[in-house]
Amino acid sequence: WWGKAPYWAPPARQRLIQVDADEARLGRNRPADLAVLSDARSFLAALALALEPMAGRIPLADRRAAVAKLAEHKSRHRAELDGLLAHQRVPMVTAHVGATLRRVLDDDAVIVFDGGNTAVWGHSFFELRAPNTMLQTAHMGHLGAGVGQALGAAVARPGKQVVCMIGDGAMGFQMQEVETAVRHGLPVVFVVCCDRQWGMVKINQKFALGPTKEHFARALGPDHEGTINTDLGEIAWDELARAMGASGERVSDAAKLEPVLRAALASRRCTVIHIDVDAGAHLFAPGLAHFKDMHQEPAGE
């Protein structure tokens, strides 16, 4: 979590070693106690060689026990997450999107995640099985970047499956690039999870503004739900795609998603699949408490 307590030691007790082949990046993000100008592969090879004489002094039994404990925790958490797949409501719980993509896609397919809660749902239910097969703009908040990333992946890896799992808010930034994909014959499949709201903003407002909800009702009217400008209107992404020459499909039932995805991939055409997801469930993406903790500023040391 970016070096923050409590996941890391308090800042006063941390020492940062930074290795980078680009000298301009050393110490750029935060001061480094030891800056090493080197290619990471070469540095790690040299470090492993230097550590060989210490091998006998490393408490491997303790480390193996710690790793086993983490593996047990991971398995238990995986089972808890997969329990969400039992929900067969319509519109679907977003868990089904990532899980279905995993069943359908080749192991070397490129998956692109974009959006707030949508990306969290995707990561939680899509297992990566090959290196260099996932693209995302991580924590920088660049909504819509995944559309261009998907087109770039299709150019870089012709013949490979490329799918972008994206929220409807994020898709709104770059929908016009579907025409670019059509014009250049890029068979990207865009899976748009539609909850018609700025989900991550809305859930944060619900927590933050909850104590003052009564005041909002008085100020903004009795019909105000206590959040500000977090709802989006209906956009038929499948129809918009067809207007630009791409294929367009719409699904709200998880049982019908897999055949639609398989047909889209087999068509080798740019396709936009509008997926209606349960808006209430979508707000509570897995691990949301950890995600919120990650964005908190650390307490003063």
C-alpha atoms as a PDB file:
ATOM      1  CA  TRP A   1       0.000   0.000   0.000  1.00  0.00           C
ATOM      2  CA  TRP A   2       2.504   2.594  -1.159  1.00  0.00           C
ATOM      3  CA  GLY A   3       4.692   2.249   1.939  1.00  0.00           C
ATOM      4  CA  LYS A   4       2.000   3.441   4.340  1.00  0.00           C
ATOM      5  CA  ALA A   5       1.465   2.335   7.910  1.00  0.00           C
ATOM      6  CA  PRO A   6      -0.027   0.074   9.210  1.00  0.00           C
ATOM      7  CA  TYR A   7       0.817  -2.204   6.267  1.00  0.00           C
ATOM      8  CA  TRP A   8       4.428  -1.020   6.424  1.00  0.00           C
ATOM      9  CA  ALA A   9       6.491   0.176   9.348  1.00  0.00           C
ATOM     10  CA  PRO A  10       6.014   3.795  10.456  1.00  0.00           C
ATOM     11  CA  PRO A  11       7.845   6.188   8.097  1.00  0.00           C
ATOM     12  CA  ALA A  12      10.513   6.973  10.700  1.00  0.00           C
ATOM     13  CA  ARG A  13      11.548   3.302  10.735  1.00  0.00           C
ATOM     14  CA  GLN A  14      11.538   2.742   6.969  1.00  0.00           C
ATOM     15  CA  ARG A  15      14.596   2.671   4.739  1.00  0.00           C
ATOM     16  CA  LEU A  16      14.007   2.877   0.995  1.00  0.00           C
ATOM     17  CA  ILE A  17      16.301   1.254  -1.563  1.00  0.00           C
ATOM     18  CA  GLN A  18      15.410   2.231  -5.121  1.00  0.00           C
ATOM     19  CA  VAL A  19      16.762   0.512  -8.227  1.00  0.00           C
ATOM     20  CA  ASP A  20      16.111   1.999 -11.655  1.00  0.00           C
ATOM     21  CA  ALA A  21      17.817   2.085 -15.033  1.00  0.00           C
ATOM     22  CA  ASP A  22      16.640   5.692 -15.512  1.00  0.00           C
ATOM     23  CA  GLU A  23      18.727   8.036 -13.384  1.00  0.00           C
ATOM     24  CA  ALA A  24      16.053  10.743 -13.572  1.00  0.00           C
ATOM     25  CA  ARG A  25      13.631   8.522 -11.636  1.00  0.00           C
ATOM     26  CA  LEU A  26      15.897   7.909  -8.665  1.00  0.00           C
ATOM     27  CA  GLY A  27      14.480   9.748  -5.656  1.00  0.00           C
ATOM     28  CA  ARG A  28      11.838  11.392  -7.817  1.00  0.00           C
ATOM     29  CA  ASN A  29       8.724  10.059  -6.089  1.00  0.00           C
ATOM     30  CA  ARG A  30      10.148  10.028  -2.562  1.00  0.00           C
ATOM     31  CA  PRO A  31      13.682  10.319  -1.088  1.00  0.00           C
ATOM     32  CA  ALA A  32      15.718   7.104  -1.246  1.00  0.00           C
ATOM     33  CA  ASP A  33      18.174   6.038   1.462  1.00  0.00           C
ATOM     34  CA  LEU A  34      20.086   4.073  -1.173  1.00  0.00           C
ATOM     35  CA  ALA A  35      19.660   4.835  -4.886  1.00  0.00           C
ATOM     36  CA  VAL A  36      21.066   2.253  -7.315  1.00  0.00           C
ATOM     37  CA  LEU A  37      21.422   3.051 -11.017  1.00  0.00           C
ATOM     38  CA  SER A  38      21.018  -0.368 -12.602  1.00  0.00           C
ATOM     39  CA  ASP A  39      18.814  -2.603 -14.680  1.00  0.00           C
ATOM     40  CA  ALA A  40      16.594  -4.493 -12.201  1.00  0.00           C
ATOM     41  CA  ARG A  41      17.445  -7.909 -13.702  1.00  0.00           C
ATOM     42  CA  SER A  42      21.187  -7.320 -13.383  1.00  0.00           C
ATOM     43  CA  PHE A  43      20.793  -5.926  -9.865  1.00  0.00           C
ATOM     44  CA  LEU A  44      18.769  -8.904  -8.632  1.00  0.00           C
ATOM     45  CA  ALA A  45      21.248 -11.375 -10.151  1.00  0.00           C
ATOM     46  CA  ALA A  46      24.125  -9.637  -8.377  1.00  0.00           C
ATOM     47  CA  LEU A  47      22.144  -9.451  -5.126  1.00  0.00           C
ATOM     48  CA  ALA A  48      21.353 -13.177  -5.238  1.00  0.00           C
ATOM     49  CA  LEU A  49      25.047 -13.936  -5.759  1.00  0.00           C
ATOM     50  CA  ALA A  50      26.027 -11.713  -2.843  1.00  0.00           C
ATOM     51  CA  LEU A  51      23.496 -13.417  -0.570  1.00  0.00           C
ATOM     52  CA  GLU A  52      24.682 -16.961  -1.305  1.00  0.00           C
ATOM     53  CA  PRO A  53      27.126 -17.057   1.651  1.00  0.00           C
ATOM     54  CA  MET A  54      24.219 -16.136   3.968  1.00  0.00           C
ATOM     55  CA  ALA A  55      21.959 -18.959   2.773  1.00  0.00           C
ATOM     56  CA  GLY A  56      22.619 -21.108   5.804  1.00  0.00           C
ATOM     57  CA  ARG A  57      21.644 -18.291   8.162  1.00  0.00           C
ATOM     58  CA  ILE A  58      18.236 -17.582   6.597  1.00  0.00           C
ATOM     59  CA  PRO A  59      15.459 -19.115   8.764  1.00  0.00           C
ATOM     60  CA  LEU A  60      13.755 -21.006   5.916  1.00  0.00           C
ATOM     61  CA  ALA A  61      11.481 -22.980   8.240  1.00  0.00           C
ATOM     62  CA  ASP A  62       9.989 -19.768   9.605  1.00  0.00           C
ATOM     63  CA  ARG A  63       9.532 -18.395   6.114  1.00  0.00           C
ATOM     64  CA  ARG A  64       7.873 -21.568   4.854  1.00  0.00           C
ATOM     65  CA  ALA A  65       5.485 -21.493   7.807  1.00  0.00           C
ATOM     66  CA  ALA A  66       4.602 -17.875   7.072  1.00  0.00           C
ATOM     67  CA  VAL A  67       4.021 -18.639   3.389  1.00  0.00           C
ATOM     68  CA  ALA A  68       1.831 -21.617   4.283  1.00  0.00           C
ATOM     69  CA  LYS A  69      -0.252 -19.388   6.547  1.00  0.00           C
ATOM     70  CA  LEU A  70      -0.686 -16.862   3.740  1.00  0.00           C
ATOM     71  CA  ALA A  71      -1.679 -19.636   1.313  1.00  0.00           C
ATOM     72  CA  GLU A  72      -4.326 -20.855   3.766  1.00  0.00           C
ATOM     73  CA  HIS A  73      -5.673 -17.318   4.146  1.00  0.00           C
ATOM     74  CA  LYS A  74      -5.744 -16.911   0.359  1.00  0.00           C
ATOM     75  CA  SER A  75      -7.696 -20.154  -0.118  1.00  0.00           C
ATOM     76  CA  ARG A  76     -10.210 -19.186   2.555  1.00  0.00           C
ATOM     77  CA  HIS A  77     -10.672 -15.730   1.036  1.00  0.00           C
ATOM     78  CA  ARG A  78     -11.057 -17.242  -2.457  1.00  0.00           C
ATOM     79  CA  ALA A  79     -13.857 -19.482  -1.196  1.00  0.00           C
ATOM     80  CA  GLU A  80     -15.606 -16.491   0.392  1.00  0.00           C
ATOM     81  CA  LEU A  81     -15.404 -14.511  -2.854  1.00  0.00           C
ATOM     82  CA  ASP A  82     -16.609 -17.404  -4.996  1.00  0.00           C
ATOM     83  CA  GLY A  83     -19.654 -17.637  -2.758  1.00  0.00           C
ATOM     84  CA  LEU A  84     -20.897 -14.475  -4.478  1.00  0.00           C
ATOM     85  CA  LEU A  85     -21.278 -16.450  -7.708  1.00  0.00           C
ATOM     86  CA  ALA A  86     -24.246 -18.247  -6.155  1.00  0.00           C
ATOM     87  CA  HIS A  87     -26.318 -15.090  -6.622  1.00  0.00           C
ATOM     88  CA  GLN A  88     -28.271 -15.469  -9.855  1.00  0.00           C
ATOM     89  CA  ARG A  89     -30.273 -12.252  -9.656  1.00  0.00           C
ATOM     90  CA  VAL A  90     -31.018 -10.126 -12.725  1.00  0.00           C
ATOM     91  CA  PRO A  91     -29.328  -7.714 -13.312  1.00  0.00           C
ATOM     92  CA  MET A  92     -26.288  -9.823 -12.461  1.00  0.00           C
ATOM     93  CA  VAL A  93     -23.805  -9.366  -9.625  1.00  0.00           C
ATOM     94  CA  THR A  94     -20.566  -8.064 -11.176  1.00  0.00           C
ATOM     95  CA  ALA A  95     -18.641 -11.083  -9.841  1.00  0.00           C
ATOM     96  CA  HIS A  96     -20.016 -13.088 -12.779  1.00  0.00           C
ATOM     97  CA  VAL A  97     -18.309 -10.858 -15.343  1.00  0.00           C
ATOM     98  CA  GLY A  98     -14.711 -11.563 -14.327  1.00  0.00           C
ATOM     99  CA  ALA A  99     -15.450 -15.232 -13.593  1.00  0.00           C
ATOM    100  CA  THR A 100     -17.075 -15.751 -16.996  1.00  0.00           C
ATOM    101  CA  LEU A 101     -14.235 -13.982 -18.782  1.00  0.00           C
ATOM    102  CA  ARG A 102     -11.793 -16.347 -17.075  1.00  0.00           C
ATOM    103  CA  ARG A 103     -13.705 -19.390 -18.351  1.00  0.00           C
ATOM    104  CA  VAL A 104     -13.935 -18.044 -21.873  1.00  0.00           C
ATOM    105  CA  LEU A 105     -10.559 -16.415 -22.546  1.00  0.00           C
ATOM    106  CA  ASP A 106      -7.331 -18.130 -23.553  1.00  0.00           C
ATOM    107  CA  ASP A 107      -4.575 -18.084 -20.946  1.00  0.00           C
ATOM    108  CA  ASP A 108      -2.481 -15.738 -23.134  1.00  0.00           C
ATOM    109  CA  ALA A 109      -5.365 -13.338 -23.849  1.00  0.00           C
ATOM    110  CA  VAL A 110      -4.823  -9.711 -22.840  1.00  0.00           C
ATOM    111  CA  ILE A 111      -7.257  -8.395 -20.239  1.00  0.00           C
ATOM    112  CA  VAL A 112      -7.578  -4.656 -19.590  1.00  0.00           C
ATOM    113  CA  PHE A 113      -9.260  -3.334 -16.442  1.00  0.00           C
ATOM    114  CA  ASP A 114     -10.646   0.200 -16.297  1.00  0.00           C
ATOM    115  CA  GLY A 115     -12.879   2.004 -13.857  1.00  0.00           C
ATOM    116  CA  GLY A 116     -13.161   2.162 -10.087  1.00  0.00           C
ATOM    117  CA  ASN A 117     -15.334  -0.574  -8.600  1.00  0.00           C
ATOM    118  CA  THR A 118     -15.460  -2.378 -11.957  1.00  0.00           C
ATOM    119  CA  ALA A 119     -11.683  -2.841 -11.962  1.00  0.00           C
ATOM    120  CA  VAL A 120     -11.753  -4.109  -8.361  1.00  0.00           C
ATOM    121  CA  TRP A 121     -14.465  -6.649  -9.239  1.00  0.00           C
ATOM    122  CA  GLY A 122     -12.477  -7.724 -12.300  1.00  0.00           C
ATOM    123  CA  HIS A 123      -9.246  -8.266 -10.389  1.00  0.00           C
ATOM    124  CA  SER A 124     -11.098 -10.249  -7.721  1.00  0.00           C
ATOM    125  CA  PHE A 125     -12.556 -12.802 -10.136  1.00  0.00           C
ATOM    126  CA  PHE A 126     -10.104 -13.022 -13.049  1.00  0.00           C
ATOM    127  CA  GLU A 127      -7.013 -15.132 -12.419  1.00  0.00           C
ATOM    128  CA  LEU A 128      -3.912 -14.212 -14.425  1.00  0.00           C
ATOM    129  CA  ARG A 129      -2.234 -17.329 -15.840  1.00  0.00           C
ATOM    130  CA  ALA A 130       0.508 -15.920 -18.060  1.00  0.00           C
ATOM    131  CA  PRO A 131       2.946 -13.019 -17.679  1.00  0.00           C
ATOM    132  CA  ASN A 132       2.349  -9.688 -19.404  1.00  0.00           C
ATOM    133  CA  THR A 133      -1.339 -10.325 -20.052  1.00  0.00           C
ATOM    134  CA  MET A 134      -2.941  -7.564 -17.942  1.00  0.00           C
ATOM    135  CA  LEU A 135      -3.075  -3.808 -18.466  1.00  0.00           C
ATOM    136  CA  GLN A 136      -4.441  -1.202 -16.076  1.00  0.00           C
ATOM    137  CA  THR A 137      -3.760   2.379 -15.029  1.00  0.00           C
ATOM    138  CA  ALA A 138      -3.452   1.145 -11.438  1.00  0.00           C
ATOM    139  CA  HIS A 139      -4.160   3.781  -8.778  1.00  0.00           C
ATOM    140  CA  MET A 140      -3.664   6.908 -10.864  1.00  0.00           C
ATOM    141  CA  GLY A 141      -7.382   7.375 -11.544  1.00  0.00           C
ATOM    142  CA  HIS A 142      -7.117   7.848 -15.304  1.00  0.00           C
ATOM    143  CA  LEU A 143     -10.608   6.662 -16.179  1.00  0.00           C
ATOM    144  CA  GLY A 144     -10.993   5.755 -19.847  1.00  0.00           C
ATOM    145  CA  ALA A 145      -7.321   4.918 -20.385  1.00  0.00           C
ATOM    146  CA  GLY A 146      -8.182   1.245 -20.801  1.00  0.00           C
ATOM    147  CA  VAL A 147      -9.879   1.860 -24.149  1.00  0.00           C
ATOM    148  CA  GLY A 148      -6.651   3.037 -25.763  1.00  0.00           C
ATOM    149  CA  GLN A 149      -4.646   0.376 -23.937  1.00  0.00           C
ATOM    150  CA  ALA A 150      -6.871  -2.304 -25.441  1.00  0.00           C
ATOM    151  CA  LEU A 151      -6.373  -0.938 -28.969  1.00  0.00           C
ATOM    152  CA  GLY A 152      -2.620  -0.837 -28.391  1.00  0.00           C
ATOM    153  CA  ALA A 153      -2.636  -4.437 -27.169  1.00  0.00           C
ATOM    154  CA  ALA A 154      -4.541  -5.537 -30.274  1.00  0.00           C
ATOM    155  CA  VAL A 155      -1.920  -3.878 -32.492  1.00  0.00           C
ATOM    156  CA  ALA A 156       0.997  -5.286 -30.487  1.00  0.00           C
ATOM    157  CA  ARG A 157      -0.386  -8.842 -30.361  1.00  0.00           C
ATOM    158  CA  PRO A 158      -2.298  -9.570 -33.560  1.00  0.00           C
ATOM    159  CA  GLY A 159      -4.205 -12.816 -33.385  1.00  0.00           C
ATOM    160  CA  LYS A 160      -4.509 -12.762 -29.590  1.00  0.00           C
ATOM    161  CA  GLN A 161      -7.769 -12.186 -27.761  1.00  0.00           C
ATOM    162  CA  VAL A 162      -8.058  -8.698 -26.215  1.00  0.00           C
ATOM    163  CA  VAL A 163     -10.876  -7.787 -23.830  1.00  0.00           C
ATOM    164  CA  CYS A 164     -11.412  -4.562 -21.891  1.00  0.00           C
ATOM    165  CA  MET A 165     -13.605  -4.854 -18.779  1.00  0.00           C
ATOM    166  CA  ILE A 166     -14.664  -1.285 -18.076  1.00  0.00           C
ATOM    167  CA  GLY A 167     -17.234   0.701 -16.104  1.00  0.00           C
ATOM    168  CA  ASP A 168     -19.853   2.784 -17.878  1.00  0.00           C
ATOM    169  CA  GLY A 169     -18.474   6.005 -16.405  1.00  0.00           C
ATOM    170  CA  ALA A 170     -14.969   5.220 -17.641  1.00  0.00           C
ATOM    171  CA  MET A 171     -16.236   4.144 -21.071  1.00  0.00           C
ATOM    172  CA  GLY A 172     -17.880   7.539 -21.442  1.00  0.00           C
ATOM    173  CA  PHE A 173     -14.485   9.222 -21.693  1.00  0.00           C
ATOM    174  CA  GLN A 174     -13.274   7.356 -24.792  1.00  0.00           C
ATOM    175  CA  MET A 175     -16.241   5.671 -26.509  1.00  0.00           C
ATOM    176  CA  GLN A 176     -15.322   7.369 -29.790  1.00  0.00           C
ATOM    177  CA  GLU A 177     -12.276   5.091 -30.058  1.00  0.00           C
ATOM    178  CA  VAL A 178     -14.610   2.236 -30.941  1.00  0.00           C
ATOM    179  CA  GLU A 179     -14.728   3.846 -34.389  1.00  0.00           C
ATOM    180  CA  THR A 180     -10.915   3.750 -34.409  1.00  0.00           C
ATOM    181  CA  ALA A 181     -11.001   0.023 -33.709  1.00  0.00           C
ATOM    182  CA  VAL A 182     -13.515  -0.536 -36.506  1.00  0.00           C
ATOM    183  CA  ARG A 183     -11.514   1.551 -38.976  1.00  0.00           C
ATOM    184  CA  HIS A 184      -8.303  -0.363 -38.258  1.00  0.00           C
ATOM    185  CA  GLY A 185      -9.906  -3.785 -37.997  1.00  0.00           C
ATOM    186  CA  LEU A 186      -8.974  -4.323 -34.335  1.00  0.00           C
ATOM    187  CA  PRO A 187     -11.163  -7.093 -32.851  1.00  0.00           C
ATOM    188  CA  VAL A 188     -11.249  -5.766 -29.296  1.00  0.00           C
ATOM    189  CA  VAL A 189     -14.182  -6.796 -27.113  1.00  0.00           C
ATOM    190  CA  PHE A 190     -15.326  -4.101 -24.678  1.00  0.00           C
ATOM    191  CA  VAL A 191     -17.311  -5.413 -21.727  1.00  0.00           C
ATOM    192  CA  VAL A 192     -19.082  -2.399 -20.210  1.00  0.00           C
ATOM    193  CA  CYS A 193     -20.406  -2.945 -16.681  1.00  0.00           C
ATOM    194  CA  CYS A 194     -23.334  -0.572 -16.349  1.00  0.00           C
ATOM    195  CA  ASP A 195     -24.553   0.491 -12.911  1.00  0.00           C
ATOM    196  CA  ARG A 196     -25.426   4.028 -14.079  1.00  0.00           C
ATOM    197  CA  GLN A 197     -23.492   5.697 -11.281  1.00  0.00           C
ATOM    198  CA  TRP A 198     -20.033   6.842 -10.267  1.00  0.00           C
ATOM    199  CA  GLY A 199     -19.817   3.838  -7.969  1.00  0.00           C
ATOM    200  CA  MET A 200     -16.598   4.454  -6.081  1.00  0.00           C
ATOM    201  CA  VAL A 201     -17.471   8.122  -5.573  1.00  0.00           C
ATOM    202  CA  LYS A 202     -20.996   7.250  -4.491  1.00  0.00           C
ATOM    203  CA  ILE A 203     -19.982   4.689  -1.872  1.00  0.00           C
ATOM    204  CA  ASN A 204     -17.410   7.097  -0.435  1.00  0.00           C
ATOM    205  CA  GLN A 205     -20.031   9.836  -0.243  1.00  0.00           C
ATOM    206  CA  LYS A 206     -22.463   7.489   1.478  1.00  0.00           C
ATOM    207  CA  PHE A 207     -19.907   6.806   4.200  1.00  0.00           C
ATOM    208  CA  ALA A 208     -18.617  10.362   4.485  1.00  0.00           C
ATOM    209  CA  LEU A 209     -21.946  12.175   4.218  1.00  0.00           C
ATOM    210  CA  GLY A 210     -24.024   9.705   6.206  1.00  0.00           C
ATOM    211  CA  PRO A 211     -23.792  11.637   9.480  1.00  0.00           C
ATOM    212  CA  THR A 212     -25.030  14.798   7.735  1.00  0.00           C
ATOM    213  CA  LYS A 213     -27.701  13.198   5.540  1.00  0.00           C
ATOM    214  CA  GLU A 214     -30.506  14.899   7.451  1.00  0.00           C
ATOM    215  CA  HIS A 215     -28.961  18.287   6.731  1.00  0.00           C
ATOM    216  CA  PHE A 216     -28.744  17.455   3.014  1.00  0.00           C
ATOM    217  CA  ALA A 217     -32.412  16.510   2.963  1.00  0.00           C
ATOM    218  CA  ARG A 218     -33.330  19.872   4.434  1.00  0.00           C
ATOM    219  CA  ALA A 219     -31.035  21.805   2.120  1.00  0.00           C
ATOM    220  CA  LEU A 220     -31.622  19.905  -1.127  1.00  0.00           C
ATOM    221  CA  GLY A 221     -35.152  18.607  -0.674  1.00  0.00           C
ATOM    222  CA  PRO A 222     -36.828  15.492   0.733  1.00  0.00           C
ATOM    223  CA  ASP A 223     -36.174  13.406  -2.391  1.00  0.00           C
ATOM    224  CA  HIS A 224     -32.410  13.853  -2.188  1.00  0.00           C
ATOM    225  CA  GLU A 225     -30.729  10.558  -1.312  1.00  0.00           C
ATOM    226  CA  GLY A 226     -27.689  12.055   0.360  1.00  0.00           C
ATOM    227  CA  THR A 227     -25.122  11.909  -2.450  1.00  0.00           C
ATOM    228  CA  ILE A 228     -24.106  14.635  -4.860  1.00  0.00           C
ATOM    229  CA  ASN A 229     -23.962  14.199  -8.657  1.00  0.00           C
ATOM    230  CA  THR A 230     -23.083  10.501  -8.526  1.00  0.00           C
ATOM    231  CA  ASP A 231     -25.839   9.102 -10.773  1.00  0.00           C
ATOM    232  CA  LEU A 232     -25.609   8.662 -14.537  1.00  0.00           C
ATOM    233  CA  GLY A 233     -28.345   8.368 -17.127  1.00  0.00           C
ATOM    234  CA  GLU A 234     -29.206   5.406 -19.314  1.00  0.00           C
ATOM    235  CA  ILE A 235     -26.776   4.921 -22.210  1.00  0.00           C
ATOM    236  CA  ALA A 236     -27.317   2.028 -24.622  1.00  0.00           C
ATOM    237  CA  TRP A 237     -23.673   1.178 -25.264  1.00  0.00           C
ATOM    238  CA  ASP A 238     -24.591  -1.651 -27.634  1.00  0.00           C
ATOM    239  CA  GLU A 239     -26.612   0.686 -29.843  1.00  0.00           C
ATOM    240  CA  LEU A 240     -23.884   3.322 -29.740  1.00  0.00           C
ATOM    241  CA  ALA A 241     -21.370   0.674 -30.867  1.00  0.00           C
ATOM    242  CA  ARG A 242     -23.515  -0.364 -33.809  1.00  0.00           C
ATOM    243  CA  ALA A 243     -23.819   3.298 -34.821  1.00  0.00           C
ATOM    244  CA  MET A 244     -20.018   3.315 -35.226  1.00  0.00           C
ATOM    245  CA  GLY A 245     -19.883   0.105 -37.260  1.00  0.00           C
ATOM    246  CA  ALA A 246     -19.026  -2.289 -34.409  1.00  0.00           C
ATOM    247  CA  SER A 247     -21.096  -5.176 -33.093  1.00  0.00           C
ATOM    248  CA  GLY A 248     -23.244  -4.510 -30.054  1.00  0.00           C
ATOM    249  CA  GLU A 249     -24.905  -6.833 -27.552  1.00  0.00           C
ATOM    250  CA  ARG A 250     -26.752  -6.344 -24.254  1.00  0.00           C
ATOM    251  CA  VAL A 251     -26.918  -8.832 -21.381  1.00  0.00           C
ATOM    252  CA  SER A 252     -28.316  -8.656 -17.855  1.00  0.00           C
ATOM    253  CA  ASP A 253     -28.577 -12.370 -16.992  1.00  0.00           C
ATOM    254  CA  ALA A 254     -25.308 -14.093 -15.991  1.00  0.00           C
ATOM    255  CA  ALA A 255     -26.531 -17.350 -17.564  1.00  0.00           C
ATOM    256  CA  LYS A 256     -26.575 -15.686 -20.993  1.00  0.00           C
ATOM    257  CA  LEU A 257     -23.203 -13.939 -20.756  1.00  0.00           C
ATOM    258  CA  GLU A 258     -20.893 -16.797 -21.738  1.00  0.00           C
ATOM    259  CA  PRO A 259     -22.424 -17.553 -25.175  1.00  0.00           C
ATOM    260  CA  VAL A 260     -22.479 -13.831 -25.990  1.00  0.00           C
ATOM    261  CA  LEU A 261     -18.785 -13.509 -25.099  1.00  0.00           C
ATOM    262  CA  ARG A 262     -17.813 -16.585 -27.107  1.00  0.00           C
ATOM    263  CA  ALA A 263     -19.688 -15.319 -30.161  1.00  0.00           C
ATOM    264  CA  ALA A 264     -18.029 -11.901 -29.874  1.00  0.00           C
ATOM    265  CA  LEU A 265     -14.555 -13.412 -29.692  1.00  0.00           C
ATOM    266  CA  ALA A 266     -15.253 -15.780 -32.577  1.00  0.00           C
ATOM    267  CA  SER A 267     -16.496 -12.952 -34.815  1.00  0.00           C
ATOM    268  CA  ARG A 268     -13.047 -11.261 -34.836  1.00  0.00           C
ATOM    269  CA  ARG A 269     -14.833  -7.897 -34.929  1.00  0.00           C
ATOM    270  CA  CYS A 270     -14.806  -5.028 -32.480  1.00  0.00           C
ATOM    271  CA  THR A 271     -17.715  -5.691 -30.149  1.00  0.00           C
ATOM    272  CA  VAL A 272     -19.233  -3.743 -27.268  1.00  0.00           C
ATOM    273  CA  ILE A 273     -21.211  -5.796 -24.754  1.00  0.00           C
ATOM    274  CA  HIS A 274     -23.478  -3.713 -22.526  1.00  0.00           C
ATOM    275  CA  ILE A 275     -23.822  -5.599 -19.228  1.00  0.00           C
ATOM    276  CA  ASP A 276     -26.454  -4.450 -16.759  1.00  0.00           C
ATOM    277  CA  VAL A 277     -25.144  -5.169 -13.256  1.00  0.00           C
ATOM    278  CA  ASP A 278     -26.846  -4.951  -9.866  1.00  0.00           C
ATOM    279  CA  ALA A 279     -26.173  -1.319  -8.921  1.00  0.00           C
ATOM    280  CA  GLY A 280     -26.473  -1.880  -5.180  1.00  0.00           C
ATOM    281  CA  ALA A 281     -24.146  -4.881  -5.092  1.00  0.00           C
ATOM    282  CA  HIS A 282     -21.705  -3.170  -7.453  1.00  0.00           C
ATOM    283  CA  LEU A 283     -21.051  -0.460  -4.859  1.00  0.00           C
ATOM    284  CA  PHE A 284     -19.627  -2.986  -2.413  1.00  0.00           C
ATOM    285  CA  ALA A 285     -16.647  -4.236  -4.393  1.00  0.00           C
ATOM    286  CA  PRO A 286     -14.544  -6.927  -2.661  1.00  0.00           C
ATOM    287  CA  GLY A 287     -11.905  -5.588  -0.291  1.00  0.00           C
ATOM    288  CA  LEU A 288     -13.414  -2.137  -0.302  1.00  0.00           C
ATOM    289  CA  ALA A 289     -12.301  -1.501   3.289  1.00  0.00           C
ATOM    290  CA  HIS A 290      -8.678  -2.215   2.332  1.00  0.00           C
ATOM    291  CA  PHE A 291      -8.994   0.025  -0.708  1.00  0.00           C
ATOM    292  CA  LYS A 292     -10.272   2.867   1.452  1.00  0.00           C
ATOM    293  CA  ASP A 293      -7.468   2.315   3.981  1.00  0.00           C
ATOM    294  CA  MET A 294      -4.947   2.516   1.175  1.00  0.00           C
ATOM    295  CA  HIS A 295      -6.071   6.020   0.295  1.00  0.00           C
ATOM    296  CA  GLN A 296      -6.020   7.327   3.853  1.00  0.00           C
ATOM    297  CA  GLU A 297      -3.170   9.624   4.738  1.00  0.00           C
ATOM    298  CA  PRO A 298      -0.997   8.013   7.428  1.00  0.00           C
ATOM    299  CA  ALA A 299      -1.291   9.344  10.947  1.00  0.00           C
ATOM    300  CA  GLY A 300       1.535  11.596  12.086  1.00  0.00           C
ATOM    301  CA  GLU A 301       4.489   9.800  13.580  1.00  0.00           C
END
